[in-house]
Amino acid sequence: MELLIVTGMSGSGKSVAINALEDLGFYCVDNLPPQFILSFAKLSIGTKGKEDRLALVVDARSKNVFNDLYEEIRMLDENKIRYKLLFLDASDDTLLNRYKETRRKHPMMSSDITSLDVAIDKERSSFETIRSRADYILDTTFLSSANLKKEVIKLFQLEGTHSMQIKTVSFGYKYGIPNDADLVFDLRYLPNPYYVPELREKTGENDEVFNYVMETGLAQTLFDKLMDLIEYLVPLYIDEGKSQLVIAYGCTGGKHRSVSFARRTADFLTSKNCSVVTQHRDIDRI
């Protein structure tokens, strides 16, 4: 039985994620009171494979969710029931804008908390301990609903293997560092194709740009040293039980240097039989 607990910040895209999980064959239960998690898990085990993929959404819509969820996770551990925890997140500004657009009431708002900013801050601080336990963290700040669904599908289509999934991400520093990144490498000191007129409008997915970035002596030396580091770290993360490793490369705009390094890193790790997905977060920004 595969048990997935889905939680995270209100407005971060849990409804989209659960729809994607249903498409992958998960039996999904939305807005489950956290004190029922253990019972659901035992019930699923008792069905002897009839519902072998179970996803439970637990969030701030339930009263006392933070303490109850942490306690229920502890009970799963005590009962030696295996599970994964997916946490969806987004920046405060993004969550604020999403709630303003939908005009829905934030679940943390009450007679004592009447400000949306305060409600988001309260929820984030309350989720801090649970977020630290997550096996997967998806930052949806820059993801459309369609792209979030793709990310969930890529993530859990690969479930069932014991290998850690590695995600290579390219991004632009002008848009901020990805919240879910484990390793972040700054490439802004490499020669910038943006200043080459015939390359400016292209990206690192074009071979002309890729070759321009990667064929300099500085880039080759840097790449070799980074791969030595990553090859050393990957087994340590696997031994720790980590399910996902996010390697992020940043340049100024997230179109040329970072895309090239994320692309080459993915190719390198794939050649080492690693499970790899790639996201070019800011490649389509104008």
C-alpha atoms as a PDB file:
ATOM      1  CA  MET A   1       0.000   0.000   0.000  1.00  0.00           C
ATOM      2  CA  GLU A   2       1.298   3.420  -0.984  1.00  0.00           C
ATOM      3  CA  LEU A   3       0.140   6.168   1.384  1.00  0.00           C
ATOM      4  CA  LEU A   4       0.625   9.811   0.456  1.00  0.00           C
ATOM      5  CA  ILE A   5      -0.324  12.658   2.802  1.00  0.00           C
ATOM      6  CA  VAL A   6      -0.868  15.919   0.933  1.00  0.00           C
ATOM      7  CA  THR A   7      -0.789  19.172   2.867  1.00  0.00           C
ATOM      8  CA  GLY A   8       0.540  22.700   2.626  1.00  0.00           C
ATOM      9  CA  MET A   9      -0.353  26.346   2.542  1.00  0.00           C
ATOM     10  CA  SER A  10      -3.907  27.341   1.717  1.00  0.00           C
ATOM     11  CA  GLY A  11      -4.009  28.557  -1.874  1.00  0.00           C
ATOM     12  CA  SER A  12      -0.869  26.659  -2.895  1.00  0.00           C
ATOM     13  CA  GLY A  13      -2.654  24.335  -5.343  1.00  0.00           C
ATOM     14  CA  LYS A  14      -3.648  21.234  -3.390  1.00  0.00           C
ATOM     15  CA  SER A  15      -6.868  20.830  -5.387  1.00  0.00           C
ATOM     16  CA  VAL A  16      -4.896  20.745  -8.641  1.00  0.00           C
ATOM     17  CA  ALA A  17      -2.451  18.264  -7.126  1.00  0.00           C
ATOM     18  CA  ILE A  18      -5.181  15.918  -5.947  1.00  0.00           C
ATOM     19  CA  ASN A  19      -6.784  15.934  -9.414  1.00  0.00           C
ATOM     20  CA  ALA A  20      -3.433  14.935 -10.910  1.00  0.00           C
ATOM     21  CA  LEU A  21      -3.040  12.155  -8.345  1.00  0.00           C
ATOM     22  CA  GLU A  22      -6.482  10.812  -9.210  1.00  0.00           C
ATOM     23  CA  ASP A  23      -5.385  10.655 -12.840  1.00  0.00           C
ATOM     24  CA  LEU A  24      -2.443   8.521 -11.699  1.00  0.00           C
ATOM     25  CA  GLY A  25      -4.728   6.021  -9.984  1.00  0.00           C
ATOM     26  CA  PHE A  26      -4.604   7.259  -6.399  1.00  0.00           C
ATOM     27  CA  TYR A  27      -7.738   6.891  -4.298  1.00  0.00           C
ATOM     28  CA  CYS A  28      -8.007  10.473  -2.994  1.00  0.00           C
ATOM     29  CA  VAL A  29      -9.759  11.854   0.047  1.00  0.00           C
ATOM     30  CA  ASP A  30      -9.911  15.646   0.300  1.00  0.00           C
ATOM     31  CA  ASN A  31     -10.230  17.678   3.517  1.00  0.00           C
ATOM     32  CA  LEU A  32      -9.794  14.658   5.771  1.00  0.00           C
ATOM     33  CA  PRO A  33      -9.744  15.415   9.506  1.00  0.00           C
ATOM     34  CA  PRO A  34      -6.190  14.477  10.505  1.00  0.00           C
ATOM     35  CA  GLN A  35      -7.270  12.195  13.351  1.00  0.00           C
ATOM     36  CA  PHE A  36      -8.635   9.752  10.733  1.00  0.00           C
ATOM     37  CA  ILE A  37      -5.324   9.236   8.884  1.00  0.00           C
ATOM     38  CA  LEU A  38      -4.245   6.168  10.837  1.00  0.00           C
ATOM     39  CA  SER A  39      -7.708   4.602  10.529  1.00  0.00           C
ATOM     40  CA  PHE A  40      -7.749   5.172   6.777  1.00  0.00           C
ATOM     41  CA  ALA A  41      -4.275   3.697   6.437  1.00  0.00           C
ATOM     42  CA  LYS A  42      -5.228   0.551   8.378  1.00  0.00           C
ATOM     43  CA  LEU A  43      -8.476   0.251   6.387  1.00  0.00           C
ATOM     44  CA  SER A  44      -6.537   0.453   3.121  1.00  0.00           C
ATOM     45  CA  ILE A  45      -4.100  -2.211   4.291  1.00  0.00           C
ATOM     46  CA  GLY A  46      -7.081  -4.386   5.158  1.00  0.00           C
ATOM     47  CA  THR A  47      -8.444  -4.202   1.616  1.00  0.00           C
ATOM     48  CA  LYS A  48      -5.445  -6.287   0.493  1.00  0.00           C
ATOM     49  CA  GLY A  49      -4.543  -4.278  -2.545  1.00  0.00           C
ATOM     50  CA  LYS A  50      -7.993  -3.075  -3.669  1.00  0.00           C
ATOM     51  CA  GLU A  51      -6.871   0.494  -2.944  1.00  0.00           C
ATOM     52  CA  ASP A  52      -3.103   0.246  -3.149  1.00  0.00           C
ATOM     53  CA  ARG A  53      -2.452   3.961  -3.757  1.00  0.00           C
ATOM     54  CA  LEU A  54      -4.041   6.282  -1.211  1.00  0.00           C
ATOM     55  CA  ALA A  55      -3.695  10.086  -1.099  1.00  0.00           C
ATOM     56  CA  LEU A  56      -5.110  12.022   1.854  1.00  0.00           C
ATOM     57  CA  VAL A  57      -5.426  15.811   1.778  1.00  0.00           C
ATOM     58  CA  VAL A  58      -5.159  17.418   5.206  1.00  0.00           C
ATOM     59  CA  ASP A  59      -4.929  21.167   5.649  1.00  0.00           C
ATOM     60  CA  ALA A  60      -6.001  24.207   7.634  1.00  0.00           C
ATOM     61  CA  ARG A  61      -9.675  23.689   6.832  1.00  0.00           C
ATOM     62  CA  SER A  62      -9.698  21.143   9.684  1.00  0.00           C
ATOM     63  CA  LYS A  63      -9.716  22.450  13.245  1.00  0.00           C
ATOM     64  CA  ASN A  64      -6.573  21.807  15.289  1.00  0.00           C
ATOM     65  CA  VAL A  65      -4.950  20.477  12.122  1.00  0.00           C
ATOM     66  CA  PHE A  66      -1.367  21.307  13.067  1.00  0.00           C
ATOM     67  CA  ASN A  67      -1.185  19.433  16.377  1.00  0.00           C
ATOM     68  CA  ASP A  68      -3.457  16.600  15.207  1.00  0.00           C
ATOM     69  CA  LEU A  69      -1.544  16.057  11.963  1.00  0.00           C
ATOM     70  CA  TYR A  70       1.804  15.911  13.742  1.00  0.00           C
ATOM     71  CA  GLU A  71       0.378  13.460  16.280  1.00  0.00           C
ATOM     72  CA  GLU A  72      -1.104  11.283  13.544  1.00  0.00           C
ATOM     73  CA  ILE A  73       2.237  11.190  11.709  1.00  0.00           C
ATOM     74  CA  ARG A  74       3.853  10.072  14.957  1.00  0.00           C
ATOM     75  CA  MET A  75       1.260   7.300  15.254  1.00  0.00           C
ATOM     76  CA  LEU A  76       1.997   6.137  11.706  1.00  0.00           C
ATOM     77  CA  ASP A  77       5.657   5.904  12.661  1.00  0.00           C
ATOM     78  CA  GLU A  78       4.835   3.953  15.811  1.00  0.00           C
ATOM     79  CA  ASN A  79       2.694   1.516  13.823  1.00  0.00           C
ATOM     80  CA  LYS A  80       5.472   1.164  11.237  1.00  0.00           C
ATOM     81  CA  ILE A  81       3.144   2.240   8.436  1.00  0.00           C
ATOM     82  CA  ARG A  82       5.120   3.619   5.519  1.00  0.00           C
ATOM     83  CA  TYR A  83       4.001   6.930   4.038  1.00  0.00           C
ATOM     84  CA  LYS A  84       5.223   9.951   2.107  1.00  0.00           C
ATOM     85  CA  LEU A  85       4.418  13.578   2.857  1.00  0.00           C
ATOM     86  CA  LEU A  86       3.901  16.081   0.024  1.00  0.00           C
ATOM     87  CA  PHE A  87       3.939  19.746   1.059  1.00  0.00           C
ATOM     88  CA  LEU A  88       2.747  22.430  -1.370  1.00  0.00           C
ATOM     89  CA  ASP A  89       4.018  25.946  -0.825  1.00  0.00           C
ATOM     90  CA  ALA A  90       4.100  29.362  -2.477  1.00  0.00           C
ATOM     91  CA  SER A  91       5.394  32.799  -1.608  1.00  0.00           C
ATOM     92  CA  ASP A  92       3.295  34.974   0.708  1.00  0.00           C
ATOM     93  CA  ASP A  93       2.705  37.527  -2.056  1.00  0.00           C
ATOM     94  CA  THR A  94       1.474  34.801  -4.406  1.00  0.00           C
ATOM     95  CA  LEU A  95      -0.906  33.378  -1.801  1.00  0.00           C
ATOM     96  CA  LEU A  96      -2.166  36.855  -1.023  1.00  0.00           C
ATOM     97  CA  ASN A  97      -2.865  37.584  -4.694  1.00  0.00           C
ATOM     98  CA  ARG A  98      -4.588  34.238  -5.226  1.00  0.00           C
ATOM     99  CA  TYR A  99      -6.960  34.873  -2.346  1.00  0.00           C
ATOM    100  CA  LYS A 100      -7.664  38.390  -3.558  1.00  0.00           C
ATOM    101  CA  GLU A 101      -8.480  37.030  -7.008  1.00  0.00           C
ATOM    102  CA  THR A 102     -10.827  34.296  -5.761  1.00  0.00           C
ATOM    103  CA  ARG A 103     -12.252  36.422  -2.912  1.00  0.00           C
ATOM    104  CA  ARG A 104     -12.484  33.308  -0.782  1.00  0.00           C
ATOM    105  CA  LYS A 105     -12.041  33.415   2.976  1.00  0.00           C
ATOM    106  CA  HIS A 106      -8.742  32.096   4.275  1.00  0.00           C
ATOM    107  CA  PRO A 107      -9.356  29.184   6.691  1.00  0.00           C
ATOM    108  CA  MET A 108      -7.174  30.814   9.357  1.00  0.00           C
ATOM    109  CA  MET A 109      -9.272  33.978   9.468  1.00  0.00           C
ATOM    110  CA  SER A 110     -11.533  34.365  12.467  1.00  0.00           C
ATOM    111  CA  SER A 111     -12.854  36.958  14.888  1.00  0.00           C
ATOM    112  CA  ASP A 112      -9.293  37.219  16.231  1.00  0.00           C
ATOM    113  CA  ILE A 113      -7.510  37.144  12.856  1.00  0.00           C
ATOM    114  CA  THR A 114      -9.192  39.499  10.399  1.00  0.00           C
ATOM    115  CA  SER A 115      -6.206  40.348   8.186  1.00  0.00           C
ATOM    116  CA  LEU A 116      -5.293  38.087   5.263  1.00  0.00           C
ATOM    117  CA  ASP A 117      -1.590  38.869   5.730  1.00  0.00           C
ATOM    118  CA  VAL A 118      -1.737  37.810   9.376  1.00  0.00           C
ATOM    119  CA  ALA A 119      -3.684  34.645   8.500  1.00  0.00           C
ATOM    120  CA  ILE A 120      -1.039  33.575   5.964  1.00  0.00           C
ATOM    121  CA  ASP A 121       1.775  34.326   8.400  1.00  0.00           C
ATOM    122  CA  LYS A 122       0.014  32.385  11.171  1.00  0.00           C
ATOM    123  CA  GLU A 123      -0.527  29.369   8.920  1.00  0.00           C
ATOM    124  CA  ARG A 124       3.095  29.388   7.717  1.00  0.00           C
ATOM    125  CA  SER A 125       4.526  29.482  11.229  1.00  0.00           C
ATOM    126  CA  SER A 126       2.120  26.745  12.362  1.00  0.00           C
ATOM    127  CA  PHE A 127       3.152  24.505   9.451  1.00  0.00           C
ATOM    128  CA  GLU A 128       6.889  24.943  10.061  1.00  0.00           C
ATOM    129  CA  THR A 129       7.432  21.650  11.900  1.00  0.00           C
ATOM    130  CA  ILE A 130       5.271  19.635   9.512  1.00  0.00           C
ATOM    131  CA  ARG A 131       6.985  21.180   6.463  1.00  0.00           C
ATOM    132  CA  SER A 132      10.344  20.078   7.840  1.00  0.00           C
ATOM    133  CA  ARG A 133       9.089  16.467   7.776  1.00  0.00           C
ATOM    134  CA  ALA A 134       8.033  16.576   4.115  1.00  0.00           C
ATOM    135  CA  ASP A 135       9.489  14.081   1.646  1.00  0.00           C
ATOM    136  CA  TYR A 136       8.496  16.319  -1.262  1.00  0.00           C
ATOM    137  CA  ILE A 137       8.105  20.096  -1.347  1.00  0.00           C
ATOM    138  CA  LEU A 138       6.551  21.719  -4.414  1.00  0.00           C
ATOM    139  CA  ASP A 139       6.884  25.478  -4.745  1.00  0.00           C
ATOM    140  CA  THR A 140       3.937  26.602  -6.895  1.00  0.00           C
ATOM    141  CA  THR A 141       4.772  30.316  -6.890  1.00  0.00           C
ATOM    142  CA  PHE A 142       5.557  30.403 -10.605  1.00  0.00           C
ATOM    143  CA  LEU A 143       3.507  27.385 -11.716  1.00  0.00           C
ATOM    144  CA  SER A 144       0.255  27.574 -13.644  1.00  0.00           C
ATOM    145  CA  SER A 145      -2.375  24.937 -12.855  1.00  0.00           C
ATOM    146  CA  ALA A 146      -1.352  22.988 -15.964  1.00  0.00           C
ATOM    147  CA  ASN A 147       2.340  23.069 -15.053  1.00  0.00           C
ATOM    148  CA  LEU A 148       1.631  22.102 -11.440  1.00  0.00           C
ATOM    149  CA  LYS A 149      -0.290  19.079 -12.684  1.00  0.00           C
ATOM    150  CA  LYS A 150       2.662  18.134 -14.890  1.00  0.00           C
ATOM    151  CA  GLU A 151       5.039  18.415 -11.925  1.00  0.00           C
ATOM    152  CA  VAL A 152       2.864  16.141  -9.768  1.00  0.00           C
ATOM    153  CA  ILE A 153       2.527  13.590 -12.559  1.00  0.00           C
ATOM    154  CA  LYS A 154       6.279  13.581 -13.185  1.00  0.00           C
ATOM    155  CA  LEU A 155       6.918  13.162  -9.487  1.00  0.00           C
ATOM    156  CA  PHE A 156       4.566  10.290  -8.757  1.00  0.00           C
ATOM    157  CA  GLN A 157       4.700   8.438 -12.041  1.00  0.00           C
ATOM    158  CA  LEU A 158       8.180   7.555 -10.833  1.00  0.00           C
ATOM    159  CA  GLU A 159       7.006   6.280  -7.462  1.00  0.00           C
ATOM    160  CA  GLY A 160       7.436   2.597  -6.711  1.00  0.00           C
ATOM    161  CA  THR A 161      11.194   2.651  -7.226  1.00  0.00           C
ATOM    162  CA  HIS A 162      13.616   2.935  -4.335  1.00  0.00           C
ATOM    163  CA  SER A 163      15.845   5.490  -6.042  1.00  0.00           C
ATOM    164  CA  MET A 164      15.701   9.145  -5.107  1.00  0.00           C
ATOM    165  CA  GLN A 165      14.326  11.485  -7.739  1.00  0.00           C
ATOM    166  CA  ILE A 166      16.619  14.342  -8.754  1.00  0.00           C
ATOM    167  CA  LYS A 167      15.096  17.522 -10.143  1.00  0.00           C
ATOM    168  CA  THR A 168      17.312  19.986 -12.027  1.00  0.00           C
ATOM    169  CA  VAL A 169      15.887  23.509 -12.096  1.00  0.00           C
ATOM    170  CA  SER A 170      16.981  26.616 -13.968  1.00  0.00           C
ATOM    171  CA  PHE A 171      15.894  30.019 -12.702  1.00  0.00           C
ATOM    172  CA  GLY A 172      16.583  33.747 -12.951  1.00  0.00           C
ATOM    173  CA  TYR A 173      17.839  35.570  -9.866  1.00  0.00           C
ATOM    174  CA  LYS A 174      15.757  38.588 -10.863  1.00  0.00           C
ATOM    175  CA  TYR A 175      12.661  36.463 -10.080  1.00  0.00           C
ATOM    176  CA  GLY A 176      13.917  34.921  -6.839  1.00  0.00           C
ATOM    177  CA  ILE A 177      15.453  31.627  -5.741  1.00  0.00           C
ATOM    178  CA  PRO A 178      13.148  28.538  -5.830  1.00  0.00           C
ATOM    179  CA  ASN A 179      11.828  27.807  -2.358  1.00  0.00           C
ATOM    180  CA  ASP A 180      12.160  24.045  -2.753  1.00  0.00           C
ATOM    181  CA  ALA A 181      15.826  24.023  -3.842  1.00  0.00           C
ATOM    182  CA  ASP A 182      18.255  21.875  -1.844  1.00  0.00           C
ATOM    183  CA  LEU A 183      21.412  22.911  -3.733  1.00  0.00           C
ATOM    184  CA  VAL A 184      21.705  26.327  -5.418  1.00  0.00           C
ATOM    185  CA  PHE A 185      24.544  27.290  -7.766  1.00  0.00           C
ATOM    186  CA  ASP A 186      25.086  30.832  -9.029  1.00  0.00           C
ATOM    187  CA  LEU A 187      26.280  31.004 -12.665  1.00  0.00           C
ATOM    188  CA  ARG A 188      26.214  34.770 -13.155  1.00  0.00           C
ATOM    189  CA  TYR A 189      30.003  34.992 -13.505  1.00  0.00           C
ATOM    190  CA  LEU A 190      29.990  32.867 -16.693  1.00  0.00           C
ATOM    191  CA  PRO A 191      30.005  34.584 -20.116  1.00  0.00           C
ATOM    192  CA  ASN A 192      26.450  35.698 -20.879  1.00  0.00           C
ATOM    193  CA  PRO A 193      24.913  34.805 -24.284  1.00  0.00           C
ATOM    194  CA  TYR A 194      22.472  37.680 -23.783  1.00  0.00           C
ATOM    195  CA  TYR A 195      25.181  40.042 -25.010  1.00  0.00           C
ATOM    196  CA  VAL A 196      25.677  38.087 -28.232  1.00  0.00           C
ATOM    197  CA  PRO A 197      23.030  39.505 -30.618  1.00  0.00           C
ATOM    198  CA  GLU A 198      22.392  36.264 -32.518  1.00  0.00           C
ATOM    199  CA  LEU A 199      21.937  34.335 -29.231  1.00  0.00           C
ATOM    200  CA  ARG A 200      19.973  36.855 -27.160  1.00  0.00           C
ATOM    201  CA  GLU A 201      16.482  35.667 -28.176  1.00  0.00           C
ATOM    202  CA  LYS A 202      17.387  31.979 -27.925  1.00  0.00           C
ATOM    203  CA  THR A 203      17.664  29.827 -24.798  1.00  0.00           C
ATOM    204  CA  GLY A 204      19.873  27.122 -23.386  1.00  0.00           C
ATOM    205  CA  GLU A 205      17.647  24.563 -25.062  1.00  0.00           C
ATOM    206  CA  ASN A 206      19.085  25.729 -28.397  1.00  0.00           C
ATOM    207  CA  ASP A 207      22.361  24.015 -29.207  1.00  0.00           C
ATOM    208  CA  GLU A 208      24.017  27.294 -30.251  1.00  0.00           C
ATOM    209  CA  VAL A 209      23.478  28.771 -26.795  1.00  0.00           C
ATOM    210  CA  PHE A 210      24.246  25.492 -25.007  1.00  0.00           C
ATOM    211  CA  ASN A 211      27.578  25.153 -26.817  1.00  0.00           C
ATOM    212  CA  TYR A 212      28.459  28.812 -26.224  1.00  0.00           C
ATOM    213  CA  VAL A 213      27.933  28.370 -22.464  1.00  0.00           C
ATOM    214  CA  MET A 214      29.393  24.913 -21.958  1.00  0.00           C
ATOM    215  CA  GLU A 215      32.453  25.018 -24.231  1.00  0.00           C
ATOM    216  CA  THR A 216      34.343  27.707 -22.330  1.00  0.00           C
ATOM    217  CA  GLY A 217      37.169  26.426 -20.137  1.00  0.00           C
ATOM    218  CA  LEU A 218      35.611  28.023 -17.057  1.00  0.00           C
ATOM    219  CA  ALA A 219      32.254  26.289 -17.617  1.00  0.00           C
ATOM    220  CA  GLN A 220      33.851  22.918 -18.290  1.00  0.00           C
ATOM    221  CA  THR A 221      35.961  23.076 -15.144  1.00  0.00           C
ATOM    222  CA  LEU A 222      33.012  24.250 -13.068  1.00  0.00           C
ATOM    223  CA  PHE A 223      30.729  21.523 -14.406  1.00  0.00           C
ATOM    224  CA  ASP A 224      33.268  18.785 -13.685  1.00  0.00           C
ATOM    225  CA  LYS A 225      33.753  19.987 -10.106  1.00  0.00           C
ATOM    226  CA  LEU A 226      30.006  20.278  -9.504  1.00  0.00           C
ATOM    227  CA  MET A 227      29.402  16.769 -10.811  1.00  0.00           C
ATOM    228  CA  ASP A 228      32.120  15.460  -8.486  1.00  0.00           C
ATOM    229  CA  LEU A 229      30.290  17.131  -5.594  1.00  0.00           C
ATOM    230  CA  ILE A 230      26.850  15.918  -6.660  1.00  0.00           C
ATOM    231  CA  GLU A 231      28.050  12.344  -7.243  1.00  0.00           C
ATOM    232  CA  TYR A 232      29.486  12.399  -3.734  1.00  0.00           C
ATOM    233  CA  LEU A 233      26.310  13.816  -2.170  1.00  0.00           C
ATOM    234  CA  VAL A 234      23.643  11.710  -3.918  1.00  0.00           C
ATOM    235  CA  PRO A 235      24.417   8.423  -2.076  1.00  0.00           C
ATOM    236  CA  LEU A 236      24.461  10.317   1.226  1.00  0.00           C
ATOM    237  CA  TYR A 237      21.019  11.772   0.552  1.00  0.00           C
ATOM    238  CA  ILE A 238      19.716   8.334  -0.452  1.00  0.00           C
ATOM    239  CA  ASP A 239      21.117   6.783   2.736  1.00  0.00           C
ATOM    240  CA  GLU A 240      19.381   9.525   4.706  1.00  0.00           C
ATOM    241  CA  GLY A 241      16.092   8.449   3.126  1.00  0.00           C
ATOM    242  CA  LYS A 242      15.563  11.587   1.074  1.00  0.00           C
ATOM    243  CA  SER A 243      13.028  11.048  -1.732  1.00  0.00           C
ATOM    244  CA  GLN A 244      13.699  14.151  -3.816  1.00  0.00           C
ATOM    245  CA  LEU A 245      16.789  16.283  -4.399  1.00  0.00           C
ATOM    246  CA  VAL A 246      16.318  19.656  -6.105  1.00  0.00           C
ATOM    247  CA  ILE A 247      19.432  21.112  -7.786  1.00  0.00           C
ATOM    248  CA  ALA A 248      18.905  24.708  -8.911  1.00  0.00           C
ATOM    249  CA  TYR A 249      21.079  26.741 -11.266  1.00  0.00           C
ATOM    250  CA  GLY A 250      20.604  30.492 -11.404  1.00  0.00           C
ATOM    251  CA  CYS A 251      21.660  33.174 -13.862  1.00  0.00           C
ATOM    252  CA  THR A 252      20.324  36.686 -14.333  1.00  0.00           C
ATOM    253  CA  GLY A 253      17.202  35.952 -16.395  1.00  0.00           C
ATOM    254  CA  GLY A 254      16.946  32.165 -16.259  1.00  0.00           C
ATOM    255  CA  LYS A 255      17.138  31.606 -20.018  1.00  0.00           C
ATOM    256  CA  HIS A 256      20.719  30.887 -21.074  1.00  0.00           C
ATOM    257  CA  ARG A 257      23.430  29.819 -18.630  1.00  0.00           C
ATOM    258  CA  SER A 258      21.168  28.240 -16.016  1.00  0.00           C
ATOM    259  CA  VAL A 259      19.153  26.347 -18.627  1.00  0.00           C
ATOM    260  CA  SER A 260      22.351  25.003 -20.205  1.00  0.00           C
ATOM    261  CA  PHE A 261      23.730  23.747 -16.888  1.00  0.00           C
ATOM    262  CA  ALA A 262      20.396  22.227 -15.806  1.00  0.00           C
ATOM    263  CA  ARG A 263      20.160  20.490 -19.176  1.00  0.00           C
ATOM    264  CA  ARG A 264      23.682  19.085 -19.064  1.00  0.00           C
ATOM    265  CA  THR A 265      23.332  18.037 -15.417  1.00  0.00           C
ATOM    266  CA  ALA A 266      20.154  16.117 -16.256  1.00  0.00           C
ATOM    267  CA  ASP A 267      21.934  14.340 -19.116  1.00  0.00           C
ATOM    268  CA  PHE A 268      24.895  13.496 -16.886  1.00  0.00           C
ATOM    269  CA  LEU A 269      22.772  12.113 -14.041  1.00  0.00           C
ATOM    270  CA  THR A 270      20.545  10.177 -16.438  1.00  0.00           C
ATOM    271  CA  SER A 271      23.683   8.505 -17.820  1.00  0.00           C
ATOM    272  CA  LYS A 272      24.397   7.432 -14.221  1.00  0.00           C
ATOM    273  CA  ASN A 273      20.978   5.710 -14.055  1.00  0.00           C
ATOM    274  CA  CYS A 274      19.498   8.361 -11.773  1.00  0.00           C
ATOM    275  CA  SER A 275      15.797   9.228 -11.910  1.00  0.00           C
ATOM    276  CA  VAL A 276      15.821  12.811 -13.224  1.00  0.00           C
ATOM    277  CA  VAL A 277      13.253  15.456 -14.179  1.00  0.00           C
ATOM    278  CA  THR A 278      13.991  18.998 -15.333  1.00  0.00           C
ATOM    279  CA  GLN A 279      12.150  22.304 -14.922  1.00  0.00           C
ATOM    280  CA  HIS A 280      13.155  25.558 -16.635  1.00  0.00           C
ATOM    281  CA  ARG A 281      11.192  27.869 -14.382  1.00  0.00           C
ATOM    282  CA  ASP A 282      11.721  31.235 -16.063  1.00  0.00           C
ATOM    283  CA  ILE A 283      12.561  30.251 -19.623  1.00  0.00           C
ATOM    284  CA  ASP A 284       9.308  31.662 -21.059  1.00  0.00           C
ATOM    285  CA  ARG A 285       9.366  34.959 -19.208  1.00  0.00           C
ATOM    286  CA  ILE A 286       9.495  38.060 -21.370  1.00  0.00           C
END
